[in-house]
Structure formats: structure tokens, C-alpha cells
Amino acid sequence: MEFKTFVFYVLAAMLLFSALRVITAKNPVHAVLFLVLAFFSAASLWMLLQAEFLAIVLIMVYVGAVMVLFLFVVMMLDIDVERLRHRFWSYLPLGAMVGLLIAVQMALVLSGKYFSAEALPGHSMPADYSNIKELARLLFTEYVYPFELASVILLVGLIAAVMLTLRGRKDSKYQKPAEQVAVKRNDRVRMVSMASVVDEPSVDSAATAPEKREGQ
């Protein structure tokens, strides 16, 4: 057995074990950490397949951002684990049937002509071969329309999530730039004509003023 094959079986075993522990761990934080281990194992398998770009993206995007966010959310929420696990085993036959159907579908797809082992390119690549350039070429030439469609779907989902969670508050203060631009001088400034009034000194104050000066 080659060393590369041995590493593949070790990483595959780690991936299966961590994926199983994600759904069987009693602590939600432990489940998230096992999911991080599963992502690292999958990234290592992609490294063996010379897909370095996908492996780095998996670690940076999912492990570095998404899973950290999930971990913070799980740690901040007060999750009732016992309530979530209520009647867990009663749904096991349905889950096993769905998993079996997914496995059969994957076997049928991978055994076809397009995804079979014979259709895969050889592992011997030239020295100037770039996995990133090849992926970008396929992504922006043959698969440009699915790529743009996926971006539009994600944008629609983002806007829908914002609109569903947006709650209007009556006591919130905000500015309306359209009304500020359309304002006129008469709406803000009002000129008032007032007569000037000068207070004349009274008789008592005029008589006591010299006495104060002499006393000083």
C-alpha cells in the first residue's frame, strides 16, 4: 500500500467519525467542534486530489467564518438539549431510508460516464499547471450561467431574510434625504419685523447715580 493511499484511508476514517459525532454528541458545542474537524478532514482529502484552491476556501470560508459564527450562536443561545432529543429514535427508520436513497443516488451518479473514474483527468500535471486558473476558466466560460444564477438566488435569499427580520419601530429617528433636498427657504426661515425698543433710565436710578459716584 502506498503512503498516499494510507493517508487517504486515515482521513476518510476521521471524516466519517467526526460526521457521526456531529449528530450523536450530546453537547451542541462539541457537535460544532466535530463539524470543524470534518471540514478539516475534507479539506485534506481535497489536498490529496490536488485541489488546493478548494481546500483553502473550505478552511477559510466555512471553518474560519461560518463555523465560528455557528459556535458563537450555539454558545449564546440557551438550547434545551433534552427537548431536541425527544423522540429522536422514533425518526430513525425515516432518516435511515432517506440516507439510503441518497447513497443510492450518489452511487448512480458516480457510476455514470461523466463522473466515473475513467472520466477523471490524470494526476500527472505539467509544471506550469495552475488549479486556480483551470477552475476560473471553467467557472467563467462553461458554467458562467449557473454561477450567475446561483449568485442571484443567494442575493434574493439575503434580501428576503433582511425583509423578514426587519421590524419597524415608531420611536426610531431617521432622516429622509429626499425631503431634505426638496426643502425651501420659506419652510425653514421666517422673517419677523419688530420695532426696536430702547429702555430709558428711570428717575430714581438717574438721581442715585451721582451719589454712588461721590461715595466711591
C-alpha atoms as a PDB file:
ATOM      1  CA  MET A   1       0.000   0.000   0.000  1.00  0.00           C
ATOM      2  CA  GLU A   2       1.294   3.417  -0.950  1.00  0.00           C
ATOM      3  CA  PHE A   3       1.692   6.136   1.631  1.00  0.00           C
ATOM      4  CA  LYS A   4      -0.808   8.341  -0.219  1.00  0.00           C
ATOM      5  CA  THR A   5      -3.425   5.590  -0.087  1.00  0.00           C
ATOM      6  CA  PHE A   6      -2.789   5.092   3.628  1.00  0.00           C
ATOM      7  CA  VAL A   7      -3.249   8.829   4.288  1.00  0.00           C
ATOM      8  CA  PHE A   8      -6.490   8.757   2.281  1.00  0.00           C
ATOM      9  CA  TYR A   9      -7.966   5.967   4.396  1.00  0.00           C
ATOM     10  CA  VAL A  10      -6.920   7.706   7.625  1.00  0.00           C
ATOM     11  CA  LEU A  11      -8.505  10.997   6.584  1.00  0.00           C
ATOM     12  CA  ALA A  12     -11.637   9.241   5.321  1.00  0.00           C
ATOM     13  CA  ALA A  13     -11.995   7.437   8.653  1.00  0.00           C
ATOM     14  CA  MET A  14     -11.583  10.723  10.539  1.00  0.00           C
ATOM     15  CA  LEU A  15     -14.196  12.336   8.297  1.00  0.00           C
ATOM     16  CA  LEU A  16     -16.737   9.569   8.886  1.00  0.00           C
ATOM     17  CA  PHE A  17     -16.092   9.523  12.636  1.00  0.00           C
ATOM     18  CA  SER A  18     -16.401  13.295  13.015  1.00  0.00           C
ATOM     19  CA  ALA A  19     -19.559  13.372  10.861  1.00  0.00           C
ATOM     20  CA  LEU A  20     -21.092  10.668  13.030  1.00  0.00           C
ATOM     21  CA  ARG A  21     -20.174  12.526  16.205  1.00  0.00           C
ATOM     22  CA  VAL A  22     -21.832  15.694  14.883  1.00  0.00           C
ATOM     23  CA  ILE A  23     -25.252  14.040  15.103  1.00  0.00           C
ATOM     24  CA  THR A  24     -24.601  11.913  18.182  1.00  0.00           C
ATOM     25  CA  ALA A  25     -22.794  14.330  20.519  1.00  0.00           C
ATOM     26  CA  LYS A  26     -24.914  15.422  23.491  1.00  0.00           C
ATOM     27  CA  ASN A  27     -23.248  18.815  23.830  1.00  0.00           C
ATOM     28  CA  PRO A  28     -24.020  21.210  20.935  1.00  0.00           C
ATOM     29  CA  VAL A  29     -20.623  22.884  21.288  1.00  0.00           C
ATOM     30  CA  HIS A  30     -18.903  19.514  20.919  1.00  0.00           C
ATOM     31  CA  ALA A  31     -21.019  18.832  17.828  1.00  0.00           C
ATOM     32  CA  VAL A  32     -19.840  22.087  16.262  1.00  0.00           C
ATOM     33  CA  LEU A  33     -16.217  21.274  17.040  1.00  0.00           C
ATOM     34  CA  PHE A  34     -16.578  17.834  15.451  1.00  0.00           C
ATOM     35  CA  LEU A  35     -18.030  19.541  12.387  1.00  0.00           C
ATOM     36  CA  VAL A  36     -14.903  21.705  12.216  1.00  0.00           C
ATOM     37  CA  LEU A  37     -12.826  18.506  12.318  1.00  0.00           C
ATOM     38  CA  ALA A  38     -14.947  17.104   9.479  1.00  0.00           C
ATOM     39  CA  PHE A  39     -14.240  20.194   7.395  1.00  0.00           C
ATOM     40  CA  PHE A  40     -10.515  19.888   8.031  1.00  0.00           C
ATOM     41  CA  SER A  41     -10.587  16.225   7.009  1.00  0.00           C
ATOM     42  CA  ALA A  42     -12.473  17.035   3.799  1.00  0.00           C
ATOM     43  CA  ALA A  43     -10.004  19.826   3.015  1.00  0.00           C
ATOM     44  CA  SER A  44      -7.123  17.406   3.489  1.00  0.00           C
ATOM     45  CA  LEU A  45      -8.764  14.967   1.072  1.00  0.00           C
ATOM     46  CA  TRP A  46      -9.030  17.739  -1.487  1.00  0.00           C
ATOM     47  CA  MET A  47      -5.352  18.449  -0.997  1.00  0.00           C
ATOM     48  CA  LEU A  48      -4.623  14.840  -1.914  1.00  0.00           C
ATOM     49  CA  LEU A  49      -6.673  15.332  -5.095  1.00  0.00           C
ATOM     50  CA  GLN A  50      -4.526  18.390  -5.981  1.00  0.00           C
ATOM     51  CA  ALA A  51      -7.460  20.755  -5.432  1.00  0.00           C
ATOM     52  CA  GLU A  52      -5.556  23.188  -3.266  1.00  0.00           C
ATOM     53  CA  PHE A  53      -7.823  26.135  -4.000  1.00  0.00           C
ATOM     54  CA  LEU A  54     -10.985  24.323  -2.887  1.00  0.00           C
ATOM     55  CA  ALA A  55      -9.251  23.080   0.248  1.00  0.00           C
ATOM     56  CA  ILE A  56      -8.106  26.572   1.255  1.00  0.00           C
ATOM     57  CA  VAL A  57     -11.534  28.050   0.503  1.00  0.00           C
ATOM     58  CA  LEU A  58     -13.195  25.369   2.629  1.00  0.00           C
ATOM     59  CA  ILE A  59     -10.984  26.172   5.603  1.00  0.00           C
ATOM     60  CA  MET A  60     -11.128  29.971   5.233  1.00  0.00           C
ATOM     61  CA  VAL A  61     -14.844  30.312   4.491  1.00  0.00           C
ATOM     62  CA  TYR A  62     -16.502  27.502   6.421  1.00  0.00           C
ATOM     63  CA  VAL A  63     -14.088  26.900   9.288  1.00  0.00           C
ATOM     64  CA  GLY A  64     -12.858  30.470   9.606  1.00  0.00           C
ATOM     65  CA  ALA A  65     -16.187  32.285   9.280  1.00  0.00           C
ATOM     66  CA  VAL A  66     -19.311  30.141   9.142  1.00  0.00           C
ATOM     67  CA  MET A  67     -18.421  27.642  11.848  1.00  0.00           C
ATOM     68  CA  VAL A  68     -17.103  30.334  14.189  1.00  0.00           C
ATOM     69  CA  LEU A  69     -20.436  32.137  13.796  1.00  0.00           C
ATOM     70  CA  PHE A  70     -22.321  28.899  14.458  1.00  0.00           C
ATOM     71  CA  LEU A  71     -20.207  28.281  17.541  1.00  0.00           C
ATOM     72  CA  PHE A  72     -20.917  31.751  18.932  1.00  0.00           C
ATOM     73  CA  VAL A  73     -24.643  31.358  18.253  1.00  0.00           C
ATOM     74  CA  VAL A  74     -24.749  27.954  19.936  1.00  0.00           C
ATOM     75  CA  MET A  75     -22.836  29.235  22.965  1.00  0.00           C
ATOM     76  CA  MET A  76     -25.061  32.317  23.342  1.00  0.00           C
ATOM     77  CA  LEU A  77     -28.387  30.502  22.926  1.00  0.00           C
ATOM     78  CA  ASP A  78     -29.957  28.565  25.755  1.00  0.00           C
ATOM     79  CA  ILE A  79     -30.684  25.322  23.913  1.00  0.00           C
ATOM     80  CA  ASP A  80     -32.761  22.666  25.627  1.00  0.00           C
ATOM     81  CA  VAL A  81     -30.932  19.530  24.511  1.00  0.00           C
ATOM     82  CA  GLU A  82     -33.381  17.138  26.119  1.00  0.00           C
ATOM     83  CA  ARG A  83     -36.295  18.704  24.260  1.00  0.00           C
ATOM     84  CA  LEU A  84     -34.455  18.468  20.960  1.00  0.00           C
ATOM     85  CA  ARG A  85     -33.694  14.814  21.531  1.00  0.00           C
ATOM     86  CA  HIS A  86     -37.270  13.954  22.421  1.00  0.00           C
ATOM     87  CA  ARG A  87     -38.461  11.041  20.268  1.00  0.00           C
ATOM     88  CA  PHE A  88     -35.123  11.026  18.463  1.00  0.00           C
ATOM     89  CA  TRP A  89     -35.028   7.290  17.904  1.00  0.00           C
ATOM     90  CA  SER A  90     -38.601   7.222  16.613  1.00  0.00           C
ATOM     91  CA  TYR A  91     -37.453   9.073  13.492  1.00  0.00           C
ATOM     92  CA  LEU A  92     -34.518   6.725  12.917  1.00  0.00           C
ATOM     93  CA  PRO A  93     -36.258   4.490  10.296  1.00  0.00           C
ATOM     94  CA  LEU A  94     -37.275   7.515   8.226  1.00  0.00           C
ATOM     95  CA  GLY A  95     -33.774   9.002   8.453  1.00  0.00           C
ATOM     96  CA  ALA A  96     -32.193   5.658   7.507  1.00  0.00           C
ATOM     97  CA  MET A  97     -34.463   5.365   4.470  1.00  0.00           C
ATOM     98  CA  VAL A  98     -33.606   8.905   3.315  1.00  0.00           C
ATOM     99  CA  GLY A  99     -29.902   8.236   3.838  1.00  0.00           C
ATOM    100  CA  LEU A 100     -30.129   5.020   1.849  1.00  0.00           C
ATOM    101  CA  LEU A 101     -31.858   6.802  -1.017  1.00  0.00           C
ATOM    102  CA  ILE A 102     -29.145   9.494  -1.031  1.00  0.00           C
ATOM    103  CA  ALA A 103     -26.414   6.821  -1.061  1.00  0.00           C
ATOM    104  CA  VAL A 104     -28.065   5.005  -3.979  1.00  0.00           C
ATOM    105  CA  GLN A 105     -28.405   8.281  -5.888  1.00  0.00           C
ATOM    106  CA  MET A 106     -24.752   9.129  -5.310  1.00  0.00           C
ATOM    107  CA  ALA A 107     -23.714   5.646  -6.472  1.00  0.00           C
ATOM    108  CA  LEU A 108     -25.764   6.001  -9.661  1.00  0.00           C
ATOM    109  CA  VAL A 109     -24.315   9.426 -10.411  1.00  0.00           C
ATOM    110  CA  LEU A 110     -20.717   8.455  -9.714  1.00  0.00           C
ATOM    111  CA  SER A 111     -21.013   5.281 -11.770  1.00  0.00           C
ATOM    112  CA  GLY A 112     -22.071   7.222 -14.875  1.00  0.00           C
ATOM    113  CA  LYS A 113     -19.876   8.149 -17.776  1.00  0.00           C
ATOM    114  CA  TYR A 114     -19.369  11.785 -16.758  1.00  0.00           C
ATOM    115  CA  PHE A 115     -18.424  11.244 -13.098  1.00  0.00           C
ATOM    116  CA  SER A 116     -16.759   7.840 -13.359  1.00  0.00           C
ATOM    117  CA  ALA A 117     -13.121   7.247 -12.548  1.00  0.00           C
ATOM    118  CA  GLU A 118     -12.293   6.916 -16.248  1.00  0.00           C
ATOM    119  CA  ALA A 119     -13.594  10.440 -16.924  1.00  0.00           C
ATOM    120  CA  LEU A 120     -11.311  11.996 -14.332  1.00  0.00           C
ATOM    121  CA  PRO A 121      -8.079  13.556 -15.608  1.00  0.00           C
ATOM    122  CA  GLY A 122      -4.762  12.001 -14.824  1.00  0.00           C
ATOM    123  CA  HIS A 123      -2.819  13.034 -11.743  1.00  0.00           C
ATOM    124  CA  SER A 124       0.350  13.782 -13.679  1.00  0.00           C
ATOM    125  CA  MET A 125       0.139  17.523 -14.337  1.00  0.00           C
ATOM    126  CA  PRO A 126       2.747  19.706 -16.052  1.00  0.00           C
ATOM    127  CA  ALA A 127       4.930  22.000 -14.020  1.00  0.00           C
ATOM    128  CA  ASP A 128       3.161  25.180 -15.149  1.00  0.00           C
ATOM    129  CA  TYR A 129      -0.325  23.815 -14.416  1.00  0.00           C
ATOM    130  CA  SER A 130      -2.462  26.032 -12.164  1.00  0.00           C
ATOM    131  CA  ASN A 131      -5.526  24.627 -10.479  1.00  0.00           C
ATOM    132  CA  ILE A 132      -6.909  28.108  -9.816  1.00  0.00           C
ATOM    133  CA  LYS A 133      -6.635  29.156 -13.471  1.00  0.00           C
ATOM    134  CA  GLU A 134      -8.329  25.981 -14.641  1.00  0.00           C
ATOM    135  CA  LEU A 135     -11.147  26.394 -12.152  1.00  0.00           C
ATOM    136  CA  ALA A 136     -11.626  30.042 -13.107  1.00  0.00           C
ATOM    137  CA  ARG A 137     -11.644  29.161 -16.807  1.00  0.00           C
ATOM    138  CA  LEU A 138     -14.394  26.577 -16.345  1.00  0.00           C
ATOM    139  CA  LEU A 139     -16.342  28.777 -13.966  1.00  0.00           C
ATOM    140  CA  PHE A 140     -16.446  31.824 -16.225  1.00  0.00           C
ATOM    141  CA  THR A 141     -16.794  30.034 -19.588  1.00  0.00           C
ATOM    142  CA  GLU A 142     -18.780  26.792 -19.482  1.00  0.00           C
ATOM    143  CA  TYR A 143     -20.519  27.348 -16.139  1.00  0.00           C
ATOM    144  CA  VAL A 144     -20.965  31.134 -16.197  1.00  0.00           C
ATOM    145  CA  TYR A 145     -24.780  30.985 -16.356  1.00  0.00           C
ATOM    146  CA  PRO A 146     -25.168  28.577 -13.383  1.00  0.00           C
ATOM    147  CA  PHE A 147     -22.658  30.726 -11.495  1.00  0.00           C
ATOM    148  CA  GLU A 148     -24.639  33.908 -12.126  1.00  0.00           C
ATOM    149  CA  LEU A 149     -27.913  32.119 -11.325  1.00  0.00           C
ATOM    150  CA  ALA A 150     -26.506  30.941  -8.004  1.00  0.00           C
ATOM    151  CA  SER A 151     -25.392  34.489  -7.163  1.00  0.00           C
ATOM    152  CA  VAL A 152     -28.870  35.842  -7.959  1.00  0.00           C
ATOM    153  CA  ILE A 153     -30.509  33.163  -5.800  1.00  0.00           C
ATOM    154  CA  LEU A 154     -28.197  33.987  -2.885  1.00  0.00           C
ATOM    155  CA  LEU A 155     -28.918  37.702  -3.301  1.00  0.00           C
ATOM    156  CA  VAL A 156     -32.673  37.079  -3.292  1.00  0.00           C
ATOM    157  CA  GLY A 157     -32.339  34.927  -0.184  1.00  0.00           C
ATOM    158  CA  LEU A 158     -30.300  37.634   1.547  1.00  0.00           C
ATOM    159  CA  ILE A 159     -32.854  40.330   0.727  1.00  0.00           C
ATOM    160  CA  ALA A 160     -35.721  38.075   1.829  1.00  0.00           C
ATOM    161  CA  ALA A 161     -34.002  37.329   5.146  1.00  0.00           C
ATOM    162  CA  VAL A 162     -33.466  41.037   5.789  1.00  0.00           C
ATOM    163  CA  MET A 163     -37.078  41.896   4.946  1.00  0.00           C
ATOM    164  CA  LEU A 164     -38.458  39.082   7.122  1.00  0.00           C
ATOM    165  CA  THR A 165     -36.421  40.127  10.139  1.00  0.00           C
ATOM    166  CA  LEU A 166     -36.917  43.880   9.656  1.00  0.00           C
ATOM    167  CA  ARG A 167     -39.206  45.358  12.255  1.00  0.00           C
ATOM    168  CA  GLY A 168     -40.364  48.949  12.076  1.00  0.00           C
ATOM    169  CA  ARG A 169     -40.189  50.995  15.293  1.00  0.00           C
ATOM    170  CA  LYS A 170     -42.334  54.036  15.886  1.00  0.00           C
ATOM    171  CA  ASP A 171     -39.863  55.673  18.271  1.00  0.00           C
ATOM    172  CA  SER A 172     -36.894  55.369  15.907  1.00  0.00           C
ATOM    173  CA  LYS A 173     -35.489  58.596  14.465  1.00  0.00           C
ATOM    174  CA  TYR A 174     -34.149  58.668  10.958  1.00  0.00           C
ATOM    175  CA  GLN A 175     -33.548  61.166   8.194  1.00  0.00           C
ATOM    176  CA  LYS A 176     -35.269  61.448   4.834  1.00  0.00           C
ATOM    177  CA  PRO A 177     -32.773  62.781   2.290  1.00  0.00           C
ATOM    178  CA  ALA A 178     -35.485  63.367  -0.346  1.00  0.00           C
ATOM    179  CA  GLU A 179     -37.387  65.729   1.934  1.00  0.00           C
ATOM    180  CA  GLN A 180     -34.174  67.464   2.996  1.00  0.00           C
ATOM    181  CA  VAL A 181     -33.202  68.182  -0.612  1.00  0.00           C
ATOM    182  CA  ALA A 182     -36.683  69.410  -1.586  1.00  0.00           C
ATOM    183  CA  VAL A 183     -36.936  71.873   1.324  1.00  0.00           C
ATOM    184  CA  LYS A 184     -37.387  75.601   0.572  1.00  0.00           C
ATOM    185  CA  ARG A 185     -36.261  78.716   2.394  1.00  0.00           C
ATOM    186  CA  ASN A 186     -39.771  79.646   3.490  1.00  0.00           C
ATOM    187  CA  ASP A 187     -40.171  76.242   5.145  1.00  0.00           C
ATOM    188  CA  ARG A 188     -37.163  76.761   7.429  1.00  0.00           C
ATOM    189  CA  VAL A 189     -36.693  80.524   7.860  1.00  0.00           C
ATOM    190  CA  ARG A 190     -39.388  83.031   8.838  1.00  0.00           C
ATOM    191  CA  MET A 191     -38.615  86.748   8.799  1.00  0.00           C
ATOM    192  CA  VAL A 192     -40.251  88.775  11.599  1.00  0.00           C
ATOM    193  CA  SER A 193     -40.419  92.603  11.573  1.00  0.00           C
ATOM    194  CA  MET A 194     -40.166  94.033  15.083  1.00  0.00           C
ATOM    195  CA  ALA A 195     -39.811  97.656  16.242  1.00  0.00           C
ATOM    196  CA  SER A 196     -36.663  98.469  18.149  1.00  0.00           C
ATOM    197  CA  VAL A 197     -37.332  99.389  21.804  1.00  0.00           C
ATOM    198  CA  VAL A 198     -34.772 101.201  23.999  1.00  0.00           C
ATOM    199  CA  ASP A 199     -35.206 101.095  27.757  1.00  0.00           C
ATOM    200  CA  GLU A 200     -34.934 104.672  29.164  1.00  0.00           C
ATOM    201  CA  PRO A 201     -33.444 105.047  32.649  1.00  0.00           C
ATOM    202  CA  SER A 202     -35.950 105.817  35.373  1.00  0.00           C
ATOM    203  CA  VAL A 203     -35.887 108.977  37.547  1.00  0.00           C
ATOM    204  CA  ASP A 204     -34.800 107.175  40.733  1.00  0.00           C
ATOM    205  CA  SER A 205     -31.872 105.467  39.096  1.00  0.00           C
ATOM    206  CA  ALA A 206     -30.713 108.757  37.495  1.00  0.00           C
ATOM    207  CA  ALA A 207     -30.800 110.571  40.865  1.00  0.00           C
ATOM    208  CA  THR A 208     -28.928 107.889  42.801  1.00  0.00           C
ATOM    209  CA  ALA A 209     -26.188 107.520  40.199  1.00  0.00           C
ATOM    210  CA  PRO A 210     -24.245 110.747  41.195  1.00  0.00           C
ATOM    211  CA  GLU A 211     -24.480 109.875  44.893  1.00  0.00           C
ATOM    212  CA  LYS A 212     -22.888 106.493  44.229  1.00  0.00           C
ATOM    213  CA  ARG A 213     -20.079 108.163  42.355  1.00  0.00           C
ATOM    214  CA  GLU A 214     -19.394 110.627  45.261  1.00  0.00           C
ATOM    215  CA  GLY A 215     -19.432 107.849  47.810  1.00  0.00           C
ATOM    216  CA  GLN A 216     -16.853 105.900  45.836  1.00  0.00           C
END
